[in-house]
Amino acid sequence: MPGMSALAHALILTGPTACGKTALALDLCARIGGEVVALDSMTVYRGMSVGTAKPTADERARVPHHLIDVLDPWDSLTVAWWLARATEACEGIVARGKRPIFVGGTPFYLKALLHGLFDGPPADAELRARLEAEAATVGNDALHARLRAVDAKTAARLHPNDVRRVVRALEVFALTGKPISDWQQTWDTPAFASESAAPPAAIPAVVLELPREVLYDRINRRVGAMLSTGWVDEVRALAALPHPLSREARQALGYAELLAWLDTGGDLNEVADTIRTRTRQFAKRQLTWFRHLPSLVPVPAGAPDALDRARAAWGA
């Protein structure tokens, strides 16, 4: 394997939430000598296990898993940071003579693996200095409001005090006429980031598919199972931490709803129904992403020959 990027030896197993990726990944790893690299923006966080459907201790004992429980829930996370750590994990796996298998369904991370990270236009020193001076003069909130007027999606993601990223977002819009969020939603271009990354390797990728009604039923039942196996206690423990959850961690499905319920009370069954609805909506968005990534090879989840079909798609 010398002379090749570690990512060149990687494989991808993706699919919507609750489609059965973990179970199939364990069988595939056993068959081809693989180790799992989590393709997930939420399982990175410690203390968020039940609600993120993190692999169990037994499953992680069967097959080594990477990029799970590596950040505190108050830490921020970027796709560039994740991709750099994922590349390091792959290097270690390949050095051990094993095969890295990315398993998960975070669409933007998947896109970063398949298409790389895009820096956008080079920095314009004069424009950047002018924007930074504006922040110092009229305040961070005013600059953030300016971003909100041209790119509400990015503004919702960035805190007003994150001046560096707010300035960069305004800079990109001024230079290209296109918001950063539009770059992120373009299917066949590199993912937008504020850090550079080498062009990606061509990574064989399989996407698990289920009939929509079957997937939604599995999501509904999974939410109920999570709530009956300690999810509320997990969120209560997070609420008692010395720091609040980061903006990124709060985006994990169901956590914001349960935190609000702990604060205000109410009918937990209604909260559960809201979480089910939002999880189904997230799965629908995932499916849209997957349809627009033509390099993904579909494999029916739960099919008797799913394992063989995945290996054939990978050429493994």
C-alpha atoms as a PDB file:
ATOM      1  CA  MET A   1       0.000   0.000   0.000  1.00  0.00           C
ATOM      2  CA  PRO A   2       2.937   2.402   0.024  1.00  0.00           C
ATOM      3  CA  GLY A   3       2.713   5.538  -2.069  1.00  0.00           C
ATOM      4  CA  MET A   4      -1.058   5.829  -1.946  1.00  0.00           C
ATOM      5  CA  SER A   5      -3.270   8.044   0.166  1.00  0.00           C
ATOM      6  CA  ALA A   6      -4.938   6.217   3.020  1.00  0.00           C
ATOM      7  CA  LEU A   7      -8.280   7.470   1.721  1.00  0.00           C
ATOM      8  CA  ALA A   8      -7.627   5.566  -1.503  1.00  0.00           C
ATOM      9  CA  HIS A   9      -8.146   2.362   0.502  1.00  0.00           C
ATOM     10  CA  ALA A  10     -11.343   3.528   2.171  1.00  0.00           C
ATOM     11  CA  LEU A  11     -14.916   2.427   1.528  1.00  0.00           C
ATOM     12  CA  ILE A  12     -18.186   4.208   2.309  1.00  0.00           C
ATOM     13  CA  LEU A  13     -21.416   2.740   3.673  1.00  0.00           C
ATOM     14  CA  THR A  14     -24.097   5.408   3.947  1.00  0.00           C
ATOM     15  CA  GLY A  15     -27.866   5.686   4.060  1.00  0.00           C
ATOM     16  CA  PRO A  16     -30.648   7.469   5.929  1.00  0.00           C
ATOM     17  CA  THR A  17     -30.995   7.319   9.684  1.00  0.00           C
ATOM     18  CA  ALA A  18     -32.370   4.025  11.057  1.00  0.00           C
ATOM     19  CA  CYS A  19     -31.777   2.036   7.862  1.00  0.00           C
ATOM     20  CA  GLY A  20     -29.440  -0.542   9.444  1.00  0.00           C
ATOM     21  CA  LYS A  21     -25.981   0.739   8.578  1.00  0.00           C
ATOM     22  CA  THR A  22     -24.315  -0.315  11.839  1.00  0.00           C
ATOM     23  CA  ALA A  23     -25.369  -3.964  11.689  1.00  0.00           C
ATOM     24  CA  LEU A  24     -24.273  -4.395   8.088  1.00  0.00           C
ATOM     25  CA  ALA A  25     -21.006  -2.553   8.743  1.00  0.00           C
ATOM     26  CA  LEU A  26     -20.079  -4.965  11.510  1.00  0.00           C
ATOM     27  CA  ASP A  27     -20.594  -7.940   9.197  1.00  0.00           C
ATOM     28  CA  LEU A  28     -18.664  -6.277   6.403  1.00  0.00           C
ATOM     29  CA  CYS A  29     -15.755  -5.416   8.690  1.00  0.00           C
ATOM     30  CA  ALA A  30     -15.585  -9.009   9.880  1.00  0.00           C
ATOM     31  CA  ARG A  31     -15.592 -10.262   6.307  1.00  0.00           C
ATOM     32  CA  ILE A  32     -12.970  -7.942   4.814  1.00  0.00           C
ATOM     33  CA  GLY A  33     -10.874  -6.940   7.821  1.00  0.00           C
ATOM     34  CA  GLY A  34     -12.253  -3.437   8.218  1.00  0.00           C
ATOM     35  CA  GLU A  35     -12.403  -0.792  10.923  1.00  0.00           C
ATOM     36  CA  VAL A  36     -15.205   1.758  11.152  1.00  0.00           C
ATOM     37  CA  VAL A  37     -14.680   5.508  10.805  1.00  0.00           C
ATOM     38  CA  ALA A  38     -17.873   7.269  11.895  1.00  0.00           C
ATOM     39  CA  LEU A  39     -19.311   9.411   9.105  1.00  0.00           C
ATOM     40  CA  ASP A  40     -21.415  11.296  11.608  1.00  0.00           C
ATOM     41  CA  SER A  41     -21.386  14.815  13.012  1.00  0.00           C
ATOM     42  CA  MET A  42     -23.024  13.863  16.331  1.00  0.00           C
ATOM     43  CA  THR A  43     -21.489  10.592  17.516  1.00  0.00           C
ATOM     44  CA  VAL A  44     -18.250  12.551  17.965  1.00  0.00           C
ATOM     45  CA  TYR A  45     -19.721  13.993  21.175  1.00  0.00           C
ATOM     46  CA  ARG A  46     -19.228  12.369  24.565  1.00  0.00           C
ATOM     47  CA  GLY A  47     -22.364  11.906  26.636  1.00  0.00           C
ATOM     48  CA  MET A  48     -24.633  11.791  23.590  1.00  0.00           C
ATOM     49  CA  SER A  49     -25.023   8.077  23.004  1.00  0.00           C
ATOM     50  CA  VAL A  50     -28.664   7.057  23.269  1.00  0.00           C
ATOM     51  CA  GLY A  51     -30.124   9.802  21.102  1.00  0.00           C
ATOM     52  CA  THR A  52     -27.462   9.474  18.394  1.00  0.00           C
ATOM     53  CA  ALA A  53     -27.806   5.679  18.177  1.00  0.00           C
ATOM     54  CA  LYS A  54     -24.116   5.340  18.851  1.00  0.00           C
ATOM     55  CA  PRO A  55     -22.729   1.797  18.400  1.00  0.00           C
ATOM     56  CA  THR A  56     -22.935  -0.108  21.660  1.00  0.00           C
ATOM     57  CA  ALA A  57     -19.931  -1.106  23.754  1.00  0.00           C
ATOM     58  CA  ASP A  58     -20.301  -4.697  22.509  1.00  0.00           C
ATOM     59  CA  GLU A  59     -20.382  -3.565  18.882  1.00  0.00           C
ATOM     60  CA  ARG A  60     -17.325  -1.398  19.388  1.00  0.00           C
ATOM     61  CA  ALA A  61     -15.563  -4.315  21.045  1.00  0.00           C
ATOM     62  CA  ARG A  62     -16.237  -6.474  17.988  1.00  0.00           C
ATOM     63  CA  VAL A  63     -14.815  -3.925  15.532  1.00  0.00           C
ATOM     64  CA  PRO A  64     -12.632  -0.876  16.246  1.00  0.00           C
ATOM     65  CA  HIS A  65     -14.533   2.404  15.743  1.00  0.00           C
ATOM     66  CA  HIS A  66     -12.938   5.812  15.184  1.00  0.00           C
ATOM     67  CA  LEU A  67     -14.158   9.408  15.633  1.00  0.00           C
ATOM     68  CA  ILE A  68     -16.660   8.436  18.314  1.00  0.00           C
ATOM     69  CA  ASP A  69     -16.571  10.170  21.730  1.00  0.00           C
ATOM     70  CA  VAL A  70     -13.720  12.496  20.747  1.00  0.00           C
ATOM     71  CA  LEU A  71     -15.236  15.889  21.688  1.00  0.00           C
ATOM     72  CA  ASP A  72     -17.056  17.320  24.674  1.00  0.00           C
ATOM     73  CA  PRO A  73     -20.640  18.374  23.921  1.00  0.00           C
ATOM     74  CA  TRP A  74     -19.770  22.052  24.348  1.00  0.00           C
ATOM     75  CA  ASP A  75     -17.074  21.860  21.659  1.00  0.00           C
ATOM     76  CA  SER A  76     -17.651  23.204  18.166  1.00  0.00           C
ATOM     77  CA  LEU A  77     -17.048  21.086  15.104  1.00  0.00           C
ATOM     78  CA  THR A  78     -16.342  21.867  11.454  1.00  0.00           C
ATOM     79  CA  VAL A  79     -16.283  19.601   8.431  1.00  0.00           C
ATOM     80  CA  ALA A  80     -12.643  20.561   7.834  1.00  0.00           C
ATOM     81  CA  TRP A  81     -11.683  19.427  11.356  1.00  0.00           C
ATOM     82  CA  TRP A  82     -13.588  16.187  10.895  1.00  0.00           C
ATOM     83  CA  LEU A  83     -12.045  15.432   7.506  1.00  0.00           C
ATOM     84  CA  ALA A  84      -8.533  15.986   8.845  1.00  0.00           C
ATOM     85  CA  ARG A  85      -9.155  13.651  11.801  1.00  0.00           C
ATOM     86  CA  ALA A  86     -10.805  11.084   9.529  1.00  0.00           C
ATOM     87  CA  THR A  87      -7.779  11.098   7.242  1.00  0.00           C
ATOM     88  CA  GLU A  88      -5.499  10.532  10.242  1.00  0.00           C
ATOM     89  CA  ALA A  89      -7.693   7.628  11.377  1.00  0.00           C
ATOM     90  CA  CYS A  90      -7.504   6.067   7.915  1.00  0.00           C
ATOM     91  CA  GLU A  91      -3.730   6.329   7.930  1.00  0.00           C
ATOM     92  CA  GLY A  92      -3.561   4.372  11.183  1.00  0.00           C
ATOM     93  CA  ILE A  93      -6.010   1.752   9.938  1.00  0.00           C
ATOM     94  CA  VAL A  94      -4.123   1.217   6.683  1.00  0.00           C
ATOM     95  CA  ALA A  95      -0.819   1.011   8.590  1.00  0.00           C
ATOM     96  CA  ARG A  96      -2.318  -1.898  10.564  1.00  0.00           C
ATOM     97  CA  GLY A  97      -3.179  -3.683   7.321  1.00  0.00           C
ATOM     98  CA  LYS A  98      -6.913  -3.070   7.725  1.00  0.00           C
ATOM     99  CA  ARG A  99      -9.525  -1.393   5.533  1.00  0.00           C
ATOM    100  CA  PRO A 100     -11.162   1.899   6.609  1.00  0.00           C
ATOM    101  CA  ILE A 101     -14.943   1.830   6.212  1.00  0.00           C
ATOM    102  CA  PHE A 102     -16.794   5.127   6.622  1.00  0.00           C
ATOM    103  CA  VAL A 103     -20.199   4.419   8.131  1.00  0.00           C
ATOM    104  CA  GLY A 104     -22.839   7.089   8.667  1.00  0.00           C
ATOM    105  CA  GLY A 105     -25.217   9.477   7.009  1.00  0.00           C
ATOM    106  CA  THR A 106     -24.169  13.101   7.586  1.00  0.00           C
ATOM    107  CA  PRO A 107     -24.651  14.506   4.065  1.00  0.00           C
ATOM    108  CA  PHE A 108     -22.106  17.330   4.158  1.00  0.00           C
ATOM    109  CA  TYR A 109     -19.389  15.045   5.520  1.00  0.00           C
ATOM    110  CA  LEU A 110     -20.190  12.528   2.800  1.00  0.00           C
ATOM    111  CA  LYS A 111     -19.883  15.262   0.202  1.00  0.00           C
ATOM    112  CA  ALA A 112     -16.530  16.329   1.656  1.00  0.00           C
ATOM    113  CA  LEU A 113     -15.240  12.772   1.263  1.00  0.00           C
ATOM    114  CA  LEU A 114     -16.487  12.466  -2.298  1.00  0.00           C
ATOM    115  CA  HIS A 115     -15.714  15.959  -3.592  1.00  0.00           C
ATOM    116  CA  GLY A 116     -13.237  17.500  -1.151  1.00  0.00           C
ATOM    117  CA  LEU A 117     -13.266  20.908   0.507  1.00  0.00           C
ATOM    118  CA  PHE A 118     -13.502  24.093  -1.482  1.00  0.00           C
ATOM    119  CA  ASP A 119     -11.860  27.267  -0.188  1.00  0.00           C
ATOM    120  CA  GLY A 120     -13.831  29.715  -2.249  1.00  0.00           C
ATOM    121  CA  PRO A 121     -12.136  32.774  -3.744  1.00  0.00           C
ATOM    122  CA  PRO A 122      -8.793  33.931  -2.367  1.00  0.00           C
ATOM    123  CA  ALA A 123      -8.986  36.407   0.493  1.00  0.00           C
ATOM    124  CA  ASP A 124      -9.356  40.045  -0.519  1.00  0.00           C
ATOM    125  CA  ALA A 125      -7.225  41.906   2.043  1.00  0.00           C
ATOM    126  CA  GLU A 126      -8.819  45.297   1.411  1.00  0.00           C
ATOM    127  CA  LEU A 127     -12.389  43.998   1.583  1.00  0.00           C
ATOM    128  CA  ARG A 128     -11.646  41.897   4.650  1.00  0.00           C
ATOM    129  CA  ALA A 129     -10.049  44.852   6.466  1.00  0.00           C
ATOM    130  CA  ARG A 130     -13.071  46.983   5.637  1.00  0.00           C
ATOM    131  CA  LEU A 131     -15.477  44.371   7.020  1.00  0.00           C
ATOM    132  CA  GLU A 132     -13.401  43.886  10.173  1.00  0.00           C
ATOM    133  CA  ALA A 133     -13.322  47.662  10.694  1.00  0.00           C
ATOM    134  CA  GLU A 134     -17.084  47.730  10.275  1.00  0.00           C
ATOM    135  CA  ALA A 135     -17.459  45.094  13.001  1.00  0.00           C
ATOM    136  CA  ALA A 136     -15.259  47.153  15.312  1.00  0.00           C
ATOM    137  CA  THR A 137     -17.187  50.344  14.542  1.00  0.00           C
ATOM    138  CA  VAL A 138     -20.854  49.324  14.448  1.00  0.00           C
ATOM    139  CA  GLY A 139     -20.592  46.062  16.387  1.00  0.00           C
ATOM    140  CA  ASN A 140     -20.646  42.338  15.742  1.00  0.00           C
ATOM    141  CA  ASP A 141     -24.444  42.172  15.801  1.00  0.00           C
ATOM    142  CA  ALA A 142     -24.745  44.709  12.992  1.00  0.00           C
ATOM    143  CA  LEU A 143     -22.273  42.799  10.825  1.00  0.00           C
ATOM    144  CA  HIS A 144     -24.118  39.570  11.569  1.00  0.00           C
ATOM    145  CA  ALA A 145     -27.402  41.234  10.557  1.00  0.00           C
ATOM    146  CA  ARG A 146     -25.793  42.167   7.265  1.00  0.00           C
ATOM    147  CA  LEU A 147     -24.908  38.532   6.681  1.00  0.00           C
ATOM    148  CA  ARG A 148     -28.432  37.490   7.615  1.00  0.00           C
ATOM    149  CA  ALA A 149     -29.787  39.751   4.873  1.00  0.00           C
ATOM    150  CA  VAL A 150     -27.802  37.957   2.148  1.00  0.00           C
ATOM    151  CA  ASP A 151     -27.398  34.453   3.581  1.00  0.00           C
ATOM    152  CA  ALA A 152     -29.884  33.653   6.338  1.00  0.00           C
ATOM    153  CA  LYS A 153     -28.862  30.011   6.453  1.00  0.00           C
ATOM    154  CA  THR A 154     -25.198  30.741   7.204  1.00  0.00           C
ATOM    155  CA  ALA A 155     -26.140  33.517   9.631  1.00  0.00           C
ATOM    156  CA  ALA A 156     -28.288  31.050  11.583  1.00  0.00           C
ATOM    157  CA  ARG A 157     -25.276  28.770  11.888  1.00  0.00           C
ATOM    158  CA  LEU A 158     -22.746  31.413  12.967  1.00  0.00           C
ATOM    159  CA  HIS A 159     -22.692  33.294  16.266  1.00  0.00           C
ATOM    160  CA  PRO A 160     -22.406  37.098  15.892  1.00  0.00           C
ATOM    161  CA  ASN A 161     -19.153  36.991  17.864  1.00  0.00           C
ATOM    162  CA  ASP A 162     -17.612  34.572  15.371  1.00  0.00           C
ATOM    163  CA  VAL A 163     -16.364  37.593  13.451  1.00  0.00           C
ATOM    164  CA  ARG A 164     -13.773  35.704  11.426  1.00  0.00           C
ATOM    165  CA  ARG A 165     -16.332  33.394   9.822  1.00  0.00           C
ATOM    166  CA  VAL A 166     -18.952  36.127   9.452  1.00  0.00           C
ATOM    167  CA  VAL A 167     -16.394  38.267   7.631  1.00  0.00           C
ATOM    168  CA  ARG A 168     -15.363  35.362   5.421  1.00  0.00           C
ATOM    169  CA  ALA A 169     -18.992  34.623   4.531  1.00  0.00           C
ATOM    170  CA  LEU A 170     -19.615  38.259   3.584  1.00  0.00           C
ATOM    171  CA  GLU A 171     -16.354  38.321   1.661  1.00  0.00           C
ATOM    172  CA  VAL A 172     -17.321  35.270  -0.394  1.00  0.00           C
ATOM    173  CA  PHE A 173     -20.731  36.732  -1.154  1.00  0.00           C
ATOM    174  CA  ALA A 174     -19.217  40.052  -2.197  1.00  0.00           C
ATOM    175  CA  LEU A 175     -16.637  38.402  -4.472  1.00  0.00           C
ATOM    176  CA  THR A 176     -18.826  35.715  -6.049  1.00  0.00           C
ATOM    177  CA  GLY A 177     -22.395  36.901  -5.654  1.00  0.00           C
ATOM    178  CA  LYS A 178     -23.149  33.456  -4.227  1.00  0.00           C
ATOM    179  CA  PRO A 179     -23.711  32.657  -0.528  1.00  0.00           C
ATOM    180  CA  ILE A 180     -21.611  30.026   1.217  1.00  0.00           C
ATOM    181  CA  SER A 181     -24.798  28.088   1.920  1.00  0.00           C
ATOM    182  CA  ASP A 182     -25.403  27.820  -1.825  1.00  0.00           C
ATOM    183  CA  TRP A 183     -21.953  26.308  -2.276  1.00  0.00           C
ATOM    184  CA  GLN A 184     -22.851  23.772   0.386  1.00  0.00           C
ATOM    185  CA  GLN A 185     -26.049  22.787  -1.400  1.00  0.00           C
ATOM    186  CA  THR A 186     -24.430  22.315  -4.796  1.00  0.00           C
ATOM    187  CA  TRP A 187     -24.277  18.576  -5.259  1.00  0.00           C
ATOM    188  CA  ASP A 188     -21.296  18.093  -7.579  1.00  0.00           C
ATOM    189  CA  THR A 189     -18.872  20.781  -6.383  1.00  0.00           C
ATOM    190  CA  PRO A 190     -16.429  20.546  -3.479  1.00  0.00           C
ATOM    191  CA  ALA A 191     -17.882  21.206  -0.046  1.00  0.00           C
ATOM    192  CA  PHE A 192     -17.260  24.764   1.128  1.00  0.00           C
ATOM    193  CA  ALA A 193     -14.925  25.227   4.081  1.00  0.00           C
ATOM    194  CA  SER A 194     -12.555  27.804   5.453  1.00  0.00           C
ATOM    195  CA  GLU A 195      -9.563  25.478   5.375  1.00  0.00           C
ATOM    196  CA  SER A 196      -7.776  23.772   2.508  1.00  0.00           C
ATOM    197  CA  ALA A 197      -7.769  20.061   1.851  1.00  0.00           C
ATOM    198  CA  ALA A 198      -6.192  17.868  -0.774  1.00  0.00           C
ATOM    199  CA  PRO A 199      -8.426  16.580  -3.589  1.00  0.00           C
ATOM    200  CA  PRO A 200     -10.292  13.480  -2.455  1.00  0.00           C
ATOM    201  CA  ALA A 201      -9.531   9.948  -3.479  1.00  0.00           C
ATOM    202  CA  ALA A 202     -12.145   8.092  -5.516  1.00  0.00           C
ATOM    203  CA  ILE A 203     -13.847   6.225  -2.662  1.00  0.00           C
ATOM    204  CA  PRO A 204     -16.313   3.448  -3.566  1.00  0.00           C
ATOM    205  CA  ALA A 205     -19.624   4.230  -1.851  1.00  0.00           C
ATOM    206  CA  VAL A 206     -22.747   2.182  -1.132  1.00  0.00           C
ATOM    207  CA  VAL A 207     -26.061   3.697  -0.026  1.00  0.00           C
ATOM    208  CA  LEU A 208     -28.591   1.509   1.761  1.00  0.00           C
ATOM    209  CA  GLU A 209     -32.174   1.915   0.599  1.00  0.00           C
ATOM    210  CA  LEU A 210     -35.522   1.099   2.180  1.00  0.00           C
ATOM    211  CA  PRO A 211     -39.086   1.759   1.026  1.00  0.00           C
ATOM    212  CA  ARG A 212     -40.132   5.109   2.439  1.00  0.00           C
ATOM    213  CA  GLU A 213     -42.938   3.693   4.585  1.00  0.00           C
ATOM    214  CA  VAL A 214     -40.629   1.046   6.057  1.00  0.00           C
ATOM    215  CA  LEU A 215     -37.974   3.647   6.857  1.00  0.00           C
ATOM    216  CA  TYR A 216     -40.463   5.949   8.550  1.00  0.00           C
ATOM    217  CA  ASP A 217     -41.860   3.107  10.624  1.00  0.00           C
ATOM    218  CA  ARG A 218     -38.349   2.204  11.760  1.00  0.00           C
ATOM    219  CA  ILE A 219     -37.690   5.827  12.697  1.00  0.00           C
ATOM    220  CA  ASN A 220     -40.912   6.011  14.708  1.00  0.00           C
ATOM    221  CA  ARG A 221     -40.103   2.823  16.605  1.00  0.00           C
ATOM    222  CA  ARG A 222     -36.484   3.834  17.185  1.00  0.00           C
ATOM    223  CA  VAL A 223     -37.475   7.123  18.829  1.00  0.00           C
ATOM    224  CA  GLY A 224     -39.782   5.226  21.185  1.00  0.00           C
ATOM    225  CA  ALA A 225     -37.040   2.744  22.011  1.00  0.00           C
ATOM    226  CA  MET A 226     -34.564   5.539  22.743  1.00  0.00           C
ATOM    227  CA  LEU A 227     -36.979   7.251  25.101  1.00  0.00           C
ATOM    228  CA  SER A 228     -37.595   4.001  26.949  1.00  0.00           C
ATOM    229  CA  THR A 229     -33.887   3.198  27.326  1.00  0.00           C
ATOM    230  CA  GLY A 230     -32.489   6.281  29.005  1.00  0.00           C
ATOM    231  CA  TRP A 231     -32.578   9.148  26.521  1.00  0.00           C
ATOM    232  CA  VAL A 232     -34.306  11.527  28.941  1.00  0.00           C
ATOM    233  CA  ASP A 233     -31.759  10.752  31.661  1.00  0.00           C
ATOM    234  CA  GLU A 234     -28.960  11.326  29.152  1.00  0.00           C
ATOM    235  CA  VAL A 235     -30.324  14.766  28.238  1.00  0.00           C
ATOM    236  CA  ARG A 236     -30.843  15.594  31.924  1.00  0.00           C
ATOM    237  CA  ALA A 237     -27.147  14.819  32.515  1.00  0.00           C
ATOM    238  CA  LEU A 238     -26.169  17.061  29.592  1.00  0.00           C
ATOM    239  CA  ALA A 239     -28.257  19.893  31.017  1.00  0.00           C
ATOM    240  CA  ALA A 240     -26.343  19.586  34.304  1.00  0.00           C
ATOM    241  CA  LEU A 241     -22.919  19.984  32.677  1.00  0.00           C
ATOM    242  CA  PRO A 242     -20.845  23.079  33.549  1.00  0.00           C
ATOM    243  CA  HIS A 243     -21.091  24.338  29.945  1.00  0.00           C
ATOM    244  CA  PRO A 244     -24.085  24.487  27.593  1.00  0.00           C
ATOM    245  CA  LEU A 245     -24.145  22.352  24.479  1.00  0.00           C
ATOM    246  CA  SER A 246     -22.427  23.891  21.494  1.00  0.00           C
ATOM    247  CA  ARG A 247     -24.489  25.173  18.598  1.00  0.00           C
ATOM    248  CA  GLU A 248     -23.406  22.117  16.600  1.00  0.00           C
ATOM    249  CA  ALA A 249     -24.244  19.571  19.313  1.00  0.00           C
ATOM    250  CA  ARG A 250     -27.697  21.100  19.838  1.00  0.00           C
ATOM    251  CA  GLN A 251     -28.471  20.277  16.213  1.00  0.00           C
ATOM    252  CA  ALA A 252     -28.562  16.561  17.073  1.00  0.00           C
ATOM    253  CA  LEU A 253     -32.046  15.253  16.461  1.00  0.00           C
ATOM    254  CA  GLY A 254     -34.268  15.394  19.536  1.00  0.00           C
ATOM    255  CA  TYR A 255     -31.859  16.979  21.998  1.00  0.00           C
ATOM    256  CA  ALA A 256     -33.147  20.537  21.710  1.00  0.00           C
ATOM    257  CA  GLU A 257     -36.718  19.301  22.111  1.00  0.00           C
ATOM    258  CA  LEU A 258     -35.899  17.288  25.213  1.00  0.00           C
ATOM    259  CA  LEU A 259     -33.858  20.108  26.743  1.00  0.00           C
ATOM    260  CA  ALA A 260     -36.824  22.440  26.245  1.00  0.00           C
ATOM    261  CA  TRP A 261     -39.155  19.861  27.797  1.00  0.00           C
ATOM    262  CA  LEU A 262     -36.914  19.597  30.855  1.00  0.00           C
ATOM    263  CA  ASP A 263     -37.139  23.386  31.241  1.00  0.00           C
ATOM    264  CA  THR A 264     -40.852  23.848  30.678  1.00  0.00           C
ATOM    265  CA  GLY A 265     -42.482  20.466  31.256  1.00  0.00           C
ATOM    266  CA  GLY A 266     -45.497  19.335  29.282  1.00  0.00           C
ATOM    267  CA  ASP A 267     -46.560  16.106  27.630  1.00  0.00           C
ATOM    268  CA  LEU A 268     -43.562  13.925  26.815  1.00  0.00           C
ATOM    269  CA  ASN A 269     -45.659  12.014  24.282  1.00  0.00           C
ATOM    270  CA  GLU A 270     -46.139  15.227  22.313  1.00  0.00           C
ATOM    271  CA  VAL A 271     -42.397  15.844  22.435  1.00  0.00           C
ATOM    272  CA  ALA A 272     -41.805  12.308  21.171  1.00  0.00           C
ATOM    273  CA  ASP A 273     -44.176  12.914  18.250  1.00  0.00           C
ATOM    274  CA  THR A 274     -42.323  16.128  17.390  1.00  0.00           C
ATOM    275  CA  ILE A 275     -38.998  14.286  17.436  1.00  0.00           C
ATOM    276  CA  ARG A 276     -40.414  11.562  15.196  1.00  0.00           C
ATOM    277  CA  THR A 277     -41.668  14.152  12.726  1.00  0.00           C
ATOM    278  CA  ARG A 278     -38.373  16.048  12.625  1.00  0.00           C
ATOM    279  CA  THR A 279     -36.393  12.825  12.279  1.00  0.00           C
ATOM    280  CA  ARG A 280     -38.520  11.751   9.315  1.00  0.00           C
ATOM    281  CA  GLN A 281     -37.977  15.189   7.784  1.00  0.00           C
ATOM    282  CA  PHE A 282     -34.229  14.814   8.264  1.00  0.00           C
ATOM    283  CA  ALA A 283     -34.324  11.386   6.605  1.00  0.00           C
ATOM    284  CA  LYS A 284     -36.174  12.912   3.669  1.00  0.00           C
ATOM    285  CA  ARG A 285     -33.433  15.533   3.284  1.00  0.00           C
ATOM    286  CA  GLN A 286     -30.798  12.791   3.449  1.00  0.00           C
ATOM    287  CA  LEU A 287     -32.541  10.926   0.639  1.00  0.00           C
ATOM    288  CA  THR A 288     -32.487  14.084  -1.476  1.00  0.00           C
ATOM    289  CA  TRP A 289     -28.721  14.400  -0.980  1.00  0.00           C
ATOM    290  CA  PHE A 290     -28.151  10.748  -1.841  1.00  0.00           C
ATOM    291  CA  ARG A 291     -30.189  11.005  -5.057  1.00  0.00           C
ATOM    292  CA  HIS A 292     -27.946  13.841  -6.229  1.00  0.00           C
ATOM    293  CA  LEU A 293     -24.688  11.985  -5.592  1.00  0.00           C
ATOM    294  CA  PRO A 294     -24.507   9.643  -8.591  1.00  0.00           C
ATOM    295  CA  SER A 295     -21.390   7.835  -7.394  1.00  0.00           C
ATOM    296  CA  LEU A 296     -23.428   6.105  -4.664  1.00  0.00           C
ATOM    297  CA  VAL A 297     -24.344   2.519  -5.532  1.00  0.00           C
ATOM    298  CA  PRO A 298     -27.766   1.558  -4.088  1.00  0.00           C
ATOM    299  CA  VAL A 299     -28.151  -1.665  -2.115  1.00  0.00           C
ATOM    300  CA  PRO A 300     -31.491  -2.720  -0.575  1.00  0.00           C
ATOM    301  CA  ALA A 301     -31.135  -2.634   3.208  1.00  0.00           C
ATOM    302  CA  GLY A 302     -32.052  -5.922   4.835  1.00  0.00           C
ATOM    303  CA  ALA A 303     -31.804  -7.908   1.604  1.00  0.00           C
ATOM    304  CA  PRO A 304     -30.427 -11.443   2.164  1.00  0.00           C
ATOM    305  CA  ASP A 305     -27.563 -10.668  -0.196  1.00  0.00           C
ATOM    306  CA  ALA A 306     -26.934  -7.108   1.010  1.00  0.00           C
ATOM    307  CA  LEU A 307     -23.479  -7.984   2.286  1.00  0.00           C
ATOM    308  CA  ASP A 308     -22.422  -9.580  -1.008  1.00  0.00           C
ATOM    309  CA  ARG A 309     -23.937  -6.757  -3.028  1.00  0.00           C
ATOM    310  CA  ALA A 310     -22.088  -4.155  -0.987  1.00  0.00           C
ATOM    311  CA  ARG A 311     -18.801  -5.998  -1.425  1.00  0.00           C
ATOM    312  CA  ALA A 312     -19.391  -6.292  -5.156  1.00  0.00           C
ATOM    313  CA  ALA A 313     -20.122  -2.575  -5.431  1.00  0.00           C
ATOM    314  CA  TRP A 314     -16.911  -1.861  -3.547  1.00  0.00           C
ATOM    315  CA  GLY A 315     -14.899  -4.429  -5.452  1.00  0.00           C
ATOM    316  CA  ALA A 316     -13.831  -5.797  -2.060  1.00  0.00           C
END
